[in-house]
Amino acid sequence: MSLSPADEEEGFRLQLQLLPGDARVHSQFAGFLATQGRAAEAIEQYERAISLQANPRDHQRLAALLNNERRFSDAIPHLQAALAAAPEDVRRLTDLGNTLVNARQPEEALPFLRQAVHCSPAEQATHNNLALALTDLGRFAEAEQSLFEALRWKPAHAPTYNNLGHLYIMMGRHAEAIGVLERALQYDPQHALARRNRALTHLALGDFERGWLDYDWCAPGIIQPADPAPLWHGQALAGKRLLLTARQGLGDLVQFIRYARLLKALPTPPVHVALECPLPLLKVLAGVEGIDQLIALGDPLGTFDLSVPVMALPRLLCTTVETIPAKGPYLTADPDRIAAWRQRLSPLRERGRRLVGLYWQGNPHHQWDRFRSIQLGAFEPLTRVPTIRMISLQRGPGIEQIEPFNRLTRGALHVPTDGQQTTPEHLADTAAIMMELDLVITVDTVTAHLAGALARPVWVAIAQAADWRWLTGRSDSPWYPTMRLFASRERSTGVRSSRRLLLRSLTKWSDSYFRFRLDDL
């Protein structure tokens, strides 16, 4: 007769009382706790076992738990210890390489993943793992060859075709991406990532009808938690209380909140529309047309008849590229904040200078941040343009670059805020500052969407592998009439070449044609 989990645990604890220095008992107890879903306690027991007697298998098991908890940096030394005991072990080489990739150290991962390929050249997975690290590094041609090699050993493998499709998206080869993603779905029609990547490709090409269908199909399994009320599928809303949910990025919410006013204009509009709103946007979205109630994300929701993700509204309201509701502005900044910032910024307009806001760094934890963020130092040439004064809009990561930049440029960048981003006041102040600027220059973050929603002149530096919403081959945006896009012309270089194009455009400005009308941008 097998013991109950409670009896097993009691047995382990009795053993530990009798043998507190026995590494084997701590290790076995850790394994038991892991099977019970008690990861934190299991980690503690494995650490105790290793402190008493280092064992490669305990290092490996502890690393697996740390990886599951997304503590990748903590897992690395344990995987290194496990590998030291068996340097040619393909699994250990692969685990260490993949963990380094997840810890945003793809360069350090390459030797281990290459060694795994060397030790097991006929295994499809080793080539796939190497390709993912190379993709992270922007070494796209090498990644493509690794994926071809993976397919040579396992031709009918949907995940490999999905990885190849994603690589082609990153390379700007969208037509080829669709072909290989459809091949992935031939082998596995339920492959959610392949469906999502195909959705992003169709959307980037402007085929919204196909793109939204795929996107909505895969979103619940990949992105959205459980819905708080039955989903709205486009049926009549008369008399209904509707909750809009926003479970993705802040930029997504700013971009698609424009649809709230269209809901109120339906032949059978809802009687009440509420938005589950992330804290940083509470002040920015206060009073937005079409929203009757803002509920801070995490607060009690109350009762609603229906719910719908904000990202689903373009499909449900039959949006095409030609029918994007782009009339703006559809957000407004607080008039009192605008007046306060006008008073603070007006002295910077001495000798007729124009004010240009800069935002250079996105979230460094974003998977593809290396392809979109710019070092502040790259804007040093702007300090030599006498007709402009640069204003920092940066908040959070990236503000550490300001002090060395201002030392180099003798304080050329004006910093109006403390750069924090933790309360609803911070983005509301950013919006008010934007209303006093002649131009906003930003990378692809919520700042770009906020400037566009406020109908401010905004230039956005994007990589060749830009997000789907900027479409392909365009310097304008149908979502934001006041926006100009500066896209990289080089593969695998992030935004570096778009940055150069942007800087050339800015440094051409002079007093004679620095007029800042929309048609000048």
Protein backbone atom coordinates (compact mmCIF):
# COMPACT_ATOMS: atom_id res chain seq x y z
CA MET A 1 0.00 0.00 0.00
CA SER A 2 1.47 3.35 -1.07
CA LEU A 3 1.92 6.18 1.40
CA SER A 4 -0.04 9.41 1.16
CA PRO A 5 1.95 12.59 0.37
CA ALA A 6 1.52 13.73 3.96
CA ASP A 7 2.94 10.45 5.27
CA GLU A 8 5.86 10.63 2.83
CA GLU A 9 6.66 14.15 3.93
CA GLU A 10 6.53 13.15 7.58
CA GLY A 11 8.94 10.29 6.83
CA PHE A 12 11.41 12.63 5.15
CA ARG A 13 11.27 15.08 8.04
CA LEU A 14 11.95 12.27 10.53
CA GLN A 15 14.97 11.21 8.50
CA LEU A 16 16.27 14.76 8.46
CA GLN A 17 15.94 14.97 12.22
CA LEU A 18 18.06 11.83 12.55
CA LEU A 19 20.47 12.61 9.67
CA PRO A 20 20.56 16.40 9.21
CA GLY A 21 23.91 16.24 7.45
CA ASP A 22 22.94 13.57 4.91
CA ALA A 23 22.98 15.17 1.45
CA ARG A 24 21.15 12.17 -0.05
CA VAL A 25 18.12 12.66 2.22
CA HIS A 26 17.93 16.39 1.42
CA SER A 27 18.13 15.56 -2.29
CA GLN A 28 15.37 12.94 -2.10
CA PHE A 29 13.18 15.30 -0.06
CA ALA A 30 13.77 18.02 -2.68
CA GLY A 31 12.63 15.64 -5.41
CA PHE A 32 9.48 14.84 -3.44
CA LEU A 33 8.70 18.54 -2.89
CA ALA A 34 9.16 19.23 -6.60
CA THR A 35 6.57 16.56 -7.48
CA GLN A 36 4.15 18.31 -5.10
CA GLY A 37 4.58 21.65 -6.89
CA ARG A 38 6.42 23.20 -3.95
CA ALA A 39 9.27 24.70 -5.97
CA ALA A 40 10.60 27.18 -3.40
CA GLU A 41 10.99 24.47 -0.73
CA ALA A 42 12.49 22.04 -3.24
CA ILE A 43 15.06 24.64 -4.28
CA GLU A 44 16.00 25.18 -0.64
CA GLN A 45 16.49 21.44 -0.08
CA TYR A 46 18.60 20.99 -3.22
CA GLU A 47 20.78 23.93 -2.15
CA ARG A 48 21.22 22.29 1.25
CA ALA A 49 22.12 18.95 -0.35
CA ILE A 50 24.70 20.61 -2.62
CA SER A 51 26.23 22.51 0.28
CA LEU A 52 26.76 19.19 2.06
CA GLN A 53 27.98 17.18 -0.93
CA ALA A 54 28.10 18.52 -4.47
CA ASN A 55 26.39 16.18 -6.92
CA PRO A 56 26.08 16.92 -10.67
CA ARG A 57 22.56 15.50 -10.79
CA ASP A 58 21.46 17.75 -7.93
CA HIS A 59 22.95 20.74 -9.76
CA GLN A 60 21.02 19.72 -12.88
CA ARG A 61 17.74 19.24 -11.02
CA LEU A 62 18.12 22.48 -9.11
CA ALA A 63 18.82 24.33 -12.35
CA ALA A 64 15.66 22.89 -13.89
CA LEU A 65 13.59 24.24 -11.00
CA LEU A 66 15.27 27.65 -11.21
CA ASN A 67 14.60 27.75 -14.95
CA ASN A 68 10.94 26.96 -14.35
CA GLU A 69 10.86 29.93 -11.98
CA ARG A 70 12.53 32.05 -14.71
CA ARG A 71 15.57 32.54 -12.47
CA PHE A 72 17.88 31.95 -15.39
CA SER A 73 20.94 33.74 -14.03
CA ASP A 74 20.72 31.72 -10.81
CA ALA A 75 20.53 28.49 -12.81
CA ILE A 76 23.69 29.13 -14.84
CA PRO A 77 26.35 28.24 -12.20
CA HIS A 78 24.55 24.99 -11.39
CA LEU A 79 24.45 24.01 -15.05
CA GLN A 80 28.13 24.88 -15.35
CA ALA A 81 28.87 22.61 -12.38
CA ALA A 82 26.83 19.77 -13.90
CA LEU A 83 28.58 20.18 -17.25
CA ALA A 84 32.05 20.15 -15.64
CA ALA A 85 31.39 16.55 -14.59
CA ALA A 86 30.44 15.50 -18.15
CA PRO A 87 31.76 18.02 -20.72
CA GLU A 88 30.46 16.07 -23.74
CA ASP A 89 26.94 15.51 -22.39
CA VAL A 90 24.61 16.88 -25.09
CA ARG A 91 21.72 17.49 -22.73
CA ARG A 92 23.87 19.43 -20.29
CA LEU A 93 25.48 21.45 -23.09
CA THR A 94 22.04 22.24 -24.47
CA ASP A 95 20.54 23.15 -21.11
CA LEU A 96 23.37 25.53 -20.35
CA GLY A 97 23.24 27.11 -23.81
CA ASN A 98 19.47 27.58 -23.72
CA THR A 99 19.60 29.03 -20.22
CA LEU A 100 22.23 31.54 -21.30
CA VAL A 101 19.97 32.56 -24.19
CA ASN A 102 17.06 33.00 -21.79
CA ALA A 103 19.31 35.06 -19.52
CA ARG A 104 19.97 37.42 -22.47
CA GLN A 105 23.50 36.10 -22.95
CA PRO A 106 23.27 34.56 -26.45
CA GLU A 107 26.92 35.27 -27.28
CA GLU A 108 28.05 33.25 -24.26
CA ALA A 109 25.63 30.47 -25.23
CA LEU A 110 27.11 29.88 -28.68
CA PRO A 111 30.16 27.75 -27.70
CA PHE A 112 28.00 25.33 -25.72
CA LEU A 113 25.32 25.03 -28.40
CA ARG A 114 27.97 24.56 -31.10
CA GLN A 115 29.58 21.84 -28.99
CA ALA A 116 26.20 20.13 -28.65
CA VAL A 117 25.89 20.13 -32.44
CA HIS A 118 29.42 18.72 -32.72
CA CYS A 119 28.64 15.94 -30.24
CA SER A 120 25.28 15.09 -31.81
CA PRO A 121 25.19 16.37 -35.41
CA ALA A 122 22.26 14.16 -36.42
CA GLU A 123 19.93 15.50 -33.72
CA GLN A 124 17.46 18.07 -35.01
CA ALA A 125 17.09 19.79 -31.63
CA THR A 126 20.75 20.78 -31.37
CA HIS A 127 20.61 22.67 -34.68
CA ASN A 128 17.33 24.31 -33.67
CA ASN A 129 18.74 25.54 -30.37
CA LEU A 130 21.81 26.96 -32.09
CA ALA A 131 19.58 28.74 -34.63
CA LEU A 132 17.57 30.43 -31.88
CA ALA A 133 20.73 31.81 -30.26
CA LEU A 134 22.01 33.06 -33.62
CA THR A 135 18.64 34.73 -34.27
CA ASP A 136 18.87 36.51 -30.93
CA LEU A 137 22.27 37.85 -32.00
CA GLY A 138 20.99 39.05 -35.38
CA ARG A 139 23.19 36.55 -37.22
CA PHE A 140 20.32 35.64 -39.48
CA ALA A 141 22.16 33.94 -42.34
CA GLU A 142 23.87 31.52 -39.95
CA ALA A 143 20.57 30.89 -38.16
CA GLU A 144 18.92 30.05 -41.48
CA GLN A 145 21.62 27.48 -42.27
CA SER A 146 21.21 25.87 -38.84
CA LEU A 147 17.47 25.54 -39.39
CA PHE A 148 18.01 24.02 -42.83
CA GLU A 149 20.31 21.50 -41.15
CA ALA A 150 17.66 20.76 -38.52
CA LEU A 151 15.12 20.09 -41.29
CA ARG A 152 17.57 17.79 -43.05
CA TRP A 153 17.51 15.48 -40.03
CA LYS A 154 13.79 15.87 -39.33
CA PRO A 155 11.94 17.21 -42.40
CA ALA A 156 8.37 17.06 -41.06
CA HIS A 157 8.94 19.06 -37.87
CA ALA A 158 6.44 21.89 -37.28
CA PRO A 159 8.47 23.74 -34.58
CA THR A 160 11.48 24.02 -36.89
CA TYR A 161 9.34 25.43 -39.70
CA ASN A 162 7.86 27.87 -37.21
CA ASN A 163 11.35 28.98 -36.15
CA LEU A 164 12.29 29.44 -39.80
CA GLY A 165 9.14 31.46 -40.40
CA HIS A 166 9.90 33.68 -37.43
CA LEU A 167 13.44 34.15 -38.71
CA TYR A 168 12.12 35.27 -42.10
CA ILE A 169 9.85 37.78 -40.33
CA MET A 170 12.94 39.15 -38.57
CA MET A 171 14.70 39.37 -41.93
CA GLY A 172 11.80 41.19 -43.56
CA ARG A 173 11.12 38.25 -45.91
CA HIS A 174 7.40 38.10 -45.22
CA ALA A 175 6.25 36.22 -48.33
CA GLU A 176 8.70 33.41 -47.56
CA ALA A 177 7.63 33.48 -43.91
CA ILE A 178 4.02 32.73 -44.85
CA GLY A 179 5.11 29.75 -46.97
CA VAL A 180 7.14 28.05 -44.24
CA LEU A 181 4.57 28.85 -41.54
CA GLU A 182 1.87 27.21 -43.63
CA ARG A 183 4.18 24.19 -43.94
CA ALA A 184 4.43 24.13 -40.11
CA LEU A 185 0.64 24.16 -39.87
CA GLN A 186 0.37 21.31 -42.39
CA TYR A 187 2.35 19.17 -39.97
CA ASP A 188 0.62 20.50 -36.84
CA PRO A 189 -2.62 22.46 -37.43
CA GLN A 190 -2.82 23.28 -33.70
CA HIS A 191 0.66 24.82 -33.47
CA ALA A 192 -0.24 28.08 -31.72
CA LEU A 193 3.09 29.85 -32.27
CA ALA A 194 2.99 29.15 -36.00
CA ARG A 195 -0.55 30.52 -36.15
CA ARG A 196 0.55 33.61 -34.25
CA ASN A 197 3.58 34.19 -36.47
CA ARG A 198 1.41 33.76 -39.57
CA ALA A 199 -1.00 36.30 -38.06
CA LEU A 200 1.81 38.82 -37.52
CA THR A 201 3.02 38.30 -41.08
CA HIS A 202 -0.41 38.87 -42.63
CA LEU A 203 -0.91 41.94 -40.44
CA ALA A 204 2.49 43.36 -41.43
CA LEU A 205 1.52 42.91 -45.08
CA GLY A 206 -1.75 44.75 -44.49
CA ASP A 207 -3.95 41.65 -44.85
CA PHE A 208 -5.92 42.39 -41.71
CA GLU A 209 -8.77 39.97 -42.41
CA ARG A 210 -6.52 36.91 -42.34
CA GLY A 211 -4.20 38.34 -39.72
CA TRP A 212 -6.84 39.04 -37.07
CA LEU A 213 -8.43 35.61 -37.44
CA ASP A 214 -5.14 33.86 -36.72
CA TYR A 215 -4.25 36.32 -33.97
CA ASP A 216 -7.52 35.83 -32.13
CA TRP A 217 -7.28 32.05 -32.53
CA CYS A 218 -3.95 31.81 -30.76
CA ALA A 219 -4.19 34.72 -28.31
CA PRO A 220 -6.16 32.93 -25.55
CA GLY A 221 -3.63 30.10 -25.41
CA ILE A 222 -0.55 32.28 -25.52
CA ILE A 223 -1.37 35.71 -24.18
CA GLN A 224 -4.68 36.07 -22.40
CA PRO A 225 -5.61 34.65 -18.99
CA ALA A 226 -9.16 33.54 -18.33
CA ASP A 227 -11.80 36.02 -19.48
CA PRO A 228 -13.73 37.73 -16.67
CA ALA A 229 -17.06 37.50 -18.53
CA PRO A 230 -18.39 35.78 -21.68
CA LEU A 231 -16.58 37.01 -24.77
CA TRP A 232 -18.24 39.45 -27.12
CA HIS A 233 -18.24 38.08 -30.67
CA GLY A 234 -19.91 41.00 -32.43
CA GLN A 235 -23.52 40.42 -31.38
CA ALA A 236 -25.89 43.27 -30.44
CA LEU A 237 -24.73 45.15 -27.34
CA ALA A 238 -27.89 47.11 -26.54
CA GLY A 239 -28.34 47.35 -22.78
CA LYS A 240 -25.15 45.36 -22.06
CA ARG A 241 -22.34 46.15 -19.67
CA LEU A 242 -19.09 45.55 -21.56
CA LEU A 243 -15.60 45.20 -20.07
CA LEU A 244 -12.56 45.88 -22.23
CA THR A 245 -9.51 43.91 -21.08
CA ALA A 246 -5.93 44.98 -21.74
CA ARG A 247 -3.51 42.16 -21.03
CA GLN A 248 -0.70 43.10 -23.43
CA GLY A 249 1.66 46.04 -23.70
CA LEU A 250 0.92 49.66 -22.84
CA GLY A 251 1.52 50.62 -26.46
CA ASP A 252 -1.13 48.16 -27.63
CA LEU A 253 -3.68 49.71 -25.29
CA VAL A 254 -2.88 53.27 -26.37
CA GLN A 255 -3.12 52.25 -30.02
CA PHE A 256 -6.43 50.40 -29.80
CA ILE A 257 -8.35 52.40 -27.21
CA ARG A 258 -9.49 54.52 -30.19
CA TYR A 259 -12.07 51.79 -30.83
CA ALA A 260 -13.99 52.59 -27.64
CA ARG A 261 -15.71 55.52 -29.32
CA LEU A 262 -16.73 53.28 -32.21
CA LEU A 263 -18.46 50.91 -29.79
CA LYS A 264 -20.62 53.78 -28.61
CA ALA A 265 -21.49 54.60 -32.23
CA LEU A 266 -22.79 51.10 -33.05
CA PRO A 267 -26.48 50.75 -34.02
CA THR A 268 -26.95 48.82 -30.75
CA PRO A 269 -24.34 50.38 -28.43
CA PRO A 270 -23.53 49.05 -24.95
CA VAL A 271 -25.07 50.90 -22.05
CA HIS A 272 -21.80 50.90 -20.11
CA VAL A 273 -18.19 50.37 -21.22
CA ALA A 274 -15.43 49.85 -18.66
CA LEU A 275 -11.71 49.40 -19.22
CA GLU A 276 -9.41 47.26 -17.10
CA CYS A 277 -6.49 49.69 -17.18
CA PRO A 278 -2.81 49.23 -16.21
CA LEU A 279 -1.80 51.66 -13.49
CA PRO A 280 0.67 53.76 -15.57
CA LEU A 281 -2.12 54.72 -18.02
CA LEU A 282 -4.89 55.56 -15.55
CA LYS A 283 -4.34 59.34 -15.79
CA VAL A 284 -3.57 59.29 -19.52
CA LEU A 285 -6.80 57.47 -20.40
CA ALA A 286 -9.03 59.38 -18.00
CA GLY A 287 -11.84 60.92 -20.02
CA VAL A 288 -11.08 59.03 -23.23
CA GLU A 289 -14.12 59.05 -25.50
CA GLY A 290 -16.27 55.92 -25.26
CA ILE A 291 -15.09 54.77 -21.82
CA ASP A 292 -17.52 55.18 -18.93
CA GLN A 293 -15.34 53.64 -16.21
CA LEU A 294 -11.65 52.92 -15.63
CA ILE A 295 -10.75 50.03 -13.33
CA ALA A 296 -7.13 49.74 -12.22
CA LEU A 297 -5.66 46.39 -13.24
CA GLY A 298 -5.85 44.12 -10.20
CA ASP A 299 -8.79 45.89 -8.57
CA PRO A 300 -12.17 44.11 -8.23
CA LEU A 301 -13.97 44.17 -11.56
CA GLY A 302 -17.61 43.94 -10.57
CA THR A 303 -20.17 42.27 -12.81
CA PHE A 304 -20.30 42.56 -16.60
CA ASP A 305 -22.43 40.92 -19.26
CA LEU A 306 -19.61 40.59 -21.78
CA SER A 307 -15.88 41.17 -22.08
CA VAL A 308 -13.54 41.63 -25.01
CA PRO A 309 -9.76 42.08 -25.32
CA VAL A 310 -8.96 45.52 -26.72
CA MET A 311 -6.77 43.79 -29.31
CA ALA A 312 -9.83 41.99 -30.71
CA LEU A 313 -11.72 45.18 -31.54
CA PRO A 314 -10.12 45.85 -34.96
CA ARG A 315 -11.33 42.46 -36.23
CA LEU A 316 -14.77 42.69 -34.64
CA LEU A 317 -15.24 46.14 -36.14
CA CYS A 318 -14.00 44.96 -39.55
CA THR A 319 -10.93 47.19 -39.82
CA THR A 320 -8.88 47.24 -43.00
CA VAL A 321 -5.83 49.37 -43.72
CA GLU A 322 -8.12 51.78 -45.57
CA THR A 323 -10.68 52.04 -42.75
CA ILE A 324 -8.38 52.47 -39.75
CA PRO A 325 -10.05 55.10 -37.52
CA ALA A 326 -7.07 57.47 -37.62
CA LYS A 327 -8.79 60.80 -37.00
CA GLY A 328 -7.06 62.44 -34.09
CA PRO A 329 -6.15 63.35 -31.57
CA TYR A 330 -8.12 60.74 -29.68
CA LEU A 331 -6.24 61.33 -26.41
CA THR A 332 -5.80 64.65 -24.65
CA ALA A 333 -3.39 65.82 -21.98
CA ASP A 334 -4.57 67.53 -18.83
CA PRO A 335 -4.79 71.34 -19.47
CA ASP A 336 -3.41 72.23 -16.04
CA ARG A 337 -0.40 69.98 -16.57
CA ILE A 338 0.15 71.49 -20.02
CA ALA A 339 0.11 75.01 -18.58
CA ALA A 340 2.57 74.05 -15.85
CA TRP A 341 5.00 72.46 -18.28
CA ARG A 342 4.68 75.34 -20.75
CA GLN A 343 5.89 77.69 -18.03
CA ARG A 344 8.80 75.41 -17.14
CA LEU A 345 9.92 74.76 -20.73
CA SER A 346 9.43 78.22 -22.25
CA PRO A 347 12.91 79.50 -21.22
CA LEU A 348 14.43 76.75 -23.42
CA ARG A 349 13.02 78.45 -26.52
CA GLU A 350 15.59 81.23 -26.36
CA ARG A 351 16.71 82.54 -29.76
CA GLY A 352 13.79 80.78 -31.43
CA ARG A 353 14.93 77.26 -30.64
CA ARG A 354 12.59 74.36 -31.28
CA LEU A 355 12.12 71.66 -28.66
CA VAL A 356 12.76 68.04 -29.66
CA GLY A 357 11.89 65.25 -27.22
CA LEU A 358 14.02 62.08 -27.20
CA TYR A 359 13.14 58.56 -26.04
CA TRP A 360 15.87 56.05 -26.83
CA GLN A 361 15.52 52.95 -24.63
CA GLY A 362 12.70 50.40 -24.46
CA ASN A 363 12.24 47.71 -21.85
CA PRO A 364 15.60 45.86 -21.75
CA HIS A 365 13.78 42.65 -20.83
CA HIS A 366 11.82 42.71 -24.09
CA GLN A 367 12.91 39.78 -26.24
CA TRP A 368 13.89 41.95 -29.19
CA ASP A 369 15.00 45.10 -27.41
CA ARG A 370 18.44 44.93 -29.00
CA PHE A 371 16.76 45.47 -32.37
CA ARG A 372 14.83 48.59 -31.35
CA SER A 373 16.66 50.59 -28.66
CA ILE A 374 19.36 53.18 -29.39
CA GLN A 375 22.19 54.36 -27.18
CA LEU A 376 21.69 57.99 -26.19
CA GLY A 377 25.25 58.72 -27.30
CA ALA A 378 24.16 58.16 -30.91
CA PHE A 379 22.29 61.46 -30.76
CA GLU A 380 25.41 63.48 -29.96
CA PRO A 381 25.45 65.05 -33.49
CA LEU A 382 22.15 66.76 -32.65
CA THR A 383 23.92 68.86 -30.04
CA ARG A 384 25.60 70.72 -32.91
CA VAL A 385 22.30 71.78 -34.53
CA PRO A 386 21.84 75.32 -33.19
CA THR A 387 18.11 75.57 -33.91
CA ILE A 388 17.02 72.80 -31.54
CA ARG A 389 17.08 71.99 -27.83
CA MET A 390 16.84 68.33 -26.87
CA ILE A 391 14.46 67.30 -24.08
CA SER A 392 14.61 63.89 -22.38
CA LEU A 393 11.34 61.97 -22.31
CA GLN A 394 13.09 58.84 -21.07
CA ARG A 395 11.68 57.03 -18.06
CA GLY A 396 13.02 53.96 -16.28
CA PRO A 397 15.76 51.97 -18.05
CA GLY A 398 17.99 54.26 -20.07
CA ILE A 399 18.12 57.20 -17.69
CA GLU A 400 21.53 55.98 -16.48
CA GLN A 401 22.90 57.13 -19.87
CA ILE A 402 21.94 60.75 -19.28
CA GLU A 403 24.72 61.80 -16.89
CA PRO A 404 27.64 60.60 -19.07
CA PHE A 405 25.96 62.07 -22.17
CA ASN A 406 25.58 65.47 -20.52
CA ARG A 407 29.19 65.37 -19.32
CA LEU A 408 30.27 64.77 -22.91
CA THR A 409 27.98 67.43 -24.38
CA ARG A 410 28.16 70.04 -21.61
CA GLY A 411 24.56 69.56 -20.57
CA ALA A 412 23.00 69.55 -24.04
CA LEU A 413 20.10 67.33 -22.98
CA HIS A 414 17.50 69.01 -20.78
CA VAL A 415 16.03 66.58 -18.23
CA PRO A 416 12.67 67.89 -17.00
CA THR A 417 11.65 64.93 -14.78
CA ASP A 418 13.22 62.44 -12.39
CA GLY A 419 12.78 59.71 -15.02
CA GLN A 420 10.65 57.43 -12.86
CA GLN A 421 7.77 55.44 -14.36
CA THR A 422 5.91 53.86 -11.46
CA THR A 423 2.79 55.99 -10.92
CA PRO A 424 -0.09 57.23 -13.10
CA GLU A 425 1.35 60.75 -12.83
CA HIS A 426 4.47 59.92 -14.82
CA LEU A 427 2.99 59.17 -18.25
CA ALA A 428 0.42 61.93 -17.72
CA ASP A 429 3.32 64.37 -17.32
CA THR A 430 4.99 62.92 -20.42
CA ALA A 431 1.80 63.57 -22.40
CA ALA A 432 1.68 67.17 -21.16
CA ILE A 433 5.35 67.73 -22.02
CA MET A 434 4.74 66.37 -25.53
CA MET A 435 2.10 69.04 -26.08
CA GLU A 436 4.85 71.66 -25.65
CA LEU A 437 7.33 69.99 -28.01
CA ASP A 438 7.79 70.64 -31.70
CA LEU A 439 8.84 67.07 -32.40
CA VAL A 440 9.15 63.74 -30.60
CA ILE A 441 11.86 61.28 -31.65
CA THR A 442 11.48 57.80 -30.20
CA VAL A 443 12.11 54.12 -30.64
CA ASP A 444 9.19 51.68 -30.88
CA THR A 445 7.67 51.93 -27.40
CA VAL A 446 4.52 53.28 -25.75
CA THR A 447 6.04 56.75 -26.22
CA ALA A 448 5.54 56.47 -29.99
CA HIS A 449 1.90 55.52 -29.55
CA LEU A 450 1.28 58.25 -26.99
CA ALA A 451 2.69 60.93 -29.29
CA GLY A 452 0.65 59.58 -32.20
CA ALA A 453 -2.56 59.42 -30.16
CA LEU A 454 -2.02 63.05 -29.11
CA ALA A 455 -1.45 63.94 -32.79
CA ARG A 456 2.02 65.30 -32.08
CA PRO A 457 4.70 65.28 -34.80
CA VAL A 458 6.66 62.12 -34.05
CA TRP A 459 9.53 60.32 -35.73
CA VAL A 460 9.98 56.63 -34.91
CA ALA A 461 13.17 54.64 -35.55
CA ILE A 462 12.30 51.04 -36.36
CA ALA A 463 14.33 48.00 -37.33
CA GLN A 464 13.84 46.12 -40.58
CA ALA A 465 12.18 43.46 -38.43
CA ALA A 466 9.70 46.02 -37.14
CA ASP A 467 6.52 45.20 -35.30
CA TRP A 468 3.57 44.28 -37.55
CA ARG A 469 1.69 47.51 -36.82
CA TRP A 470 4.14 49.61 -38.84
CA LEU A 471 3.42 47.44 -41.91
CA THR A 472 6.17 46.97 -44.49
CA GLY A 473 7.93 49.39 -46.79
CA ARG A 474 6.25 52.53 -45.43
CA SER A 475 7.59 55.79 -44.06
CA ASP A 476 4.13 56.83 -42.84
CA SER A 477 1.64 55.13 -40.53
CA PRO A 478 -2.05 54.73 -41.34
CA TRP A 479 -2.63 54.51 -37.59
CA TYR A 480 -1.08 57.91 -36.85
CA PRO A 481 -1.19 60.67 -39.50
CA THR A 482 1.43 62.79 -37.67
CA MET A 483 4.02 59.99 -37.56
CA ARG A 484 7.03 59.42 -39.78
CA LEU A 485 8.84 56.07 -39.74
CA PHE A 486 12.58 55.67 -40.19
CA ALA A 487 13.14 52.01 -41.04
CA SER A 488 16.49 50.25 -41.13
CA ARG A 489 17.68 49.37 -44.61
CA GLU A 490 20.06 46.73 -43.30
CA ARG A 491 19.37 43.25 -42.03
CA SER A 492 20.41 42.17 -38.55
CA THR A 493 21.43 45.70 -37.49
CA GLY A 494 18.49 46.65 -35.33
CA VAL A 495 17.76 50.34 -35.68
CA ARG A 496 21.30 51.45 -36.41
CA SER A 497 20.80 52.35 -40.07
CA SER A 498 17.38 53.89 -39.36
CA ARG A 499 19.11 55.97 -36.68
CA ARG A 500 21.63 57.23 -39.24
CA LEU A 501 18.84 58.18 -41.66
CA LEU A 502 16.98 59.95 -38.87
CA LEU A 503 20.06 61.90 -37.82
CA ARG A 504 20.77 62.95 -41.41
CA SER A 505 17.23 64.26 -41.70
CA LEU A 506 17.51 66.24 -38.49
CA THR A 507 20.89 67.75 -39.20
CA LYS A 508 19.57 69.13 -42.50
CA TRP A 509 17.26 71.41 -40.58
CA SER A 510 18.09 75.09 -40.39
CA ASP A 511 16.32 78.24 -39.31
CA SER A 512 15.05 78.81 -42.83
CA TYR A 513 13.08 75.59 -43.17
CA PHE A 514 12.57 74.50 -39.59
CA ARG A 515 8.87 75.27 -39.92
CA PHE A 516 7.34 72.17 -38.33
CA ARG A 517 4.24 71.98 -40.44
CA LEU A 518 2.98 68.44 -40.98
CA ASP A 519 3.83 68.54 -44.68
CA ASP A 520 7.42 69.43 -43.77
CA LEU A 521 7.74 66.21 -41.81
